[in-house]
Amino acid sequence: MVGVDEYSARKGRHYGTVLVDVETRRPIDLLPDREALSLAAWLALRARAWLAPVCFEAWFRSVFTFADQP
């Protein structure tokens, strides 16, 4: 399972997305922004046997719509 959150760099002037392996609590990848399309593209390149959004911000709510499209 993958956890998704945002991170801040440059004292809050730049935001990105961090993807974490929930079981090992280790980072998997860092995305350079927090755009829904970037996260959807990342998910599209990986096997998505199970996606379960738990609590997420408005900036990537639409990811699950993008990710479910063929």
C-alpha atoms as a PDB file:
ATOM      1  CA  MET A   1       0.000   0.000   0.000  1.00  0.00           C
ATOM      2  CA  VAL A   2       1.234   3.467  -0.872  1.00  0.00           C
ATOM      3  CA  GLY A   3       0.795   6.524   1.314  1.00  0.00           C
ATOM      4  CA  VAL A   4       0.673   9.933  -0.359  1.00  0.00           C
ATOM      5  CA  ASP A   5       1.409  13.267   1.265  1.00  0.00           C
ATOM      6  CA  GLU A   6       2.875  16.605   0.388  1.00  0.00           C
ATOM      7  CA  TYR A   7       6.199  18.052   1.410  1.00  0.00           C
ATOM      8  CA  SER A   8       7.477  21.598   1.516  1.00  0.00           C
ATOM      9  CA  ALA A   9      10.873  22.827   0.421  1.00  0.00           C
ATOM     10  CA  ARG A  10      12.446  26.248   0.436  1.00  0.00           C
ATOM     11  CA  LYS A  11      10.571  27.349   3.536  1.00  0.00           C
ATOM     12  CA  GLY A  12       7.111  26.759   2.092  1.00  0.00           C
ATOM     13  CA  ARG A  13       7.737  28.211  -1.353  1.00  0.00           C
ATOM     14  CA  HIS A  14       7.826  24.901  -3.202  1.00  0.00           C
ATOM     15  CA  TYR A  15       5.586  21.893  -2.635  1.00  0.00           C
ATOM     16  CA  GLY A  16       5.934  18.359  -3.913  1.00  0.00           C
ATOM     17  CA  THR A  17       4.447  14.921  -3.350  1.00  0.00           C
ATOM     18  CA  VAL A  18       6.032  12.135  -1.348  1.00  0.00           C
ATOM     19  CA  LEU A  19       4.971   8.514  -1.860  1.00  0.00           C
ATOM     20  CA  VAL A  20       5.645   6.138   1.019  1.00  0.00           C
ATOM     21  CA  ASP A  21       5.454   2.372   1.457  1.00  0.00           C
ATOM     22  CA  VAL A  22       2.976   2.181   4.320  1.00  0.00           C
ATOM     23  CA  GLU A  23       4.228  -1.185   5.558  1.00  0.00           C
ATOM     24  CA  THR A  24       7.947  -0.313   5.713  1.00  0.00           C
ATOM     25  CA  ARG A  25       7.426   3.433   6.281  1.00  0.00           C
ATOM     26  CA  ARG A  26      10.106   4.178   3.701  1.00  0.00           C
ATOM     27  CA  PRO A  27       9.846   6.714   0.885  1.00  0.00           C
ATOM     28  CA  ILE A  28       9.244   5.231  -2.544  1.00  0.00           C
ATOM     29  CA  ASP A  29       9.396   8.347  -4.695  1.00  0.00           C
ATOM     30  CA  LEU A  30       9.276  12.140  -4.654  1.00  0.00           C
ATOM     31  CA  LEU A  31       7.270  14.002  -7.266  1.00  0.00           C
ATOM     32  CA  PRO A  32       8.365  17.566  -8.060  1.00  0.00           C
ATOM     33  CA  ASP A  33       4.878  19.045  -7.648  1.00  0.00           C
ATOM     34  CA  ARG A  34       1.537  18.301  -6.056  1.00  0.00           C
ATOM     35  CA  GLU A  35      -0.530  18.203  -9.224  1.00  0.00           C
ATOM     36  CA  ALA A  36      -3.218  15.576  -9.635  1.00  0.00           C
ATOM     37  CA  LEU A  37      -1.999  14.721 -13.142  1.00  0.00           C
ATOM     38  CA  SER A  38       1.525  13.996 -11.882  1.00  0.00           C
ATOM     39  CA  LEU A  39       0.249  11.577  -9.267  1.00  0.00           C
ATOM     40  CA  ALA A  40      -2.162   9.969 -11.743  1.00  0.00           C
ATOM     41  CA  ALA A  41       0.700   9.443 -14.207  1.00  0.00           C
ATOM     42  CA  TRP A  42       2.839   7.880 -11.465  1.00  0.00           C
ATOM     43  CA  LEU A  43       0.011   5.533 -10.506  1.00  0.00           C
ATOM     44  CA  ALA A  44      -0.684   4.646 -14.148  1.00  0.00           C
ATOM     45  CA  LEU A  45       2.878   3.341 -14.547  1.00  0.00           C
ATOM     46  CA  ARG A  46       2.501   0.920 -11.649  1.00  0.00           C
ATOM     47  CA  ALA A  47       0.220  -2.019 -10.953  1.00  0.00           C
ATOM     48  CA  ARG A  48      -2.844  -0.753  -9.146  1.00  0.00           C
ATOM     49  CA  ALA A  49      -4.493  -3.865  -7.786  1.00  0.00           C
ATOM     50  CA  TRP A  50      -5.969  -1.886  -4.913  1.00  0.00           C
ATOM     51  CA  LEU A  51      -6.407   1.831  -4.378  1.00  0.00           C
ATOM     52  CA  ALA A  52      -8.048   3.011  -1.186  1.00  0.00           C
ATOM     53  CA  PRO A  53      -8.053   6.736  -0.488  1.00  0.00           C
ATOM     54  CA  VAL A  54      -8.282   7.337   3.242  1.00  0.00           C
ATOM     55  CA  CYS A  55      -7.836  11.041   3.873  1.00  0.00           C
ATOM     56  CA  PHE A  56      -6.661  13.377   1.164  1.00  0.00           C
ATOM     57  CA  GLU A  57      -6.461  17.011   0.231  1.00  0.00           C
ATOM     58  CA  ALA A  58      -8.441  18.691  -2.524  1.00  0.00           C
ATOM     59  CA  TRP A  59      -5.351  19.064  -4.743  1.00  0.00           C
ATOM     60  CA  PHE A  60      -5.362  15.378  -5.655  1.00  0.00           C
ATOM     61  CA  ARG A  61      -8.982  14.304  -5.206  1.00  0.00           C
ATOM     62  CA  SER A  62      -9.389  13.948  -8.949  1.00  0.00           C
ATOM     63  CA  VAL A  63      -6.424  11.546  -9.164  1.00  0.00           C
ATOM     64  CA  PHE A  64      -8.673   8.590  -8.585  1.00  0.00           C
ATOM     65  CA  THR A  65     -10.865   9.692 -11.482  1.00  0.00           C
ATOM     66  CA  PHE A  66      -7.791   9.968 -13.755  1.00  0.00           C
ATOM     67  CA  ALA A  67      -6.278   6.706 -12.518  1.00  0.00           C
ATOM     68  CA  ASP A  68      -9.428   4.692 -13.187  1.00  0.00           C
ATOM     69  CA  GLN A  69      -9.611   5.752 -16.829  1.00  0.00           C
ATOM     70  CA  PRO A  70      -8.120   3.338 -19.402  1.00  0.00           C
END
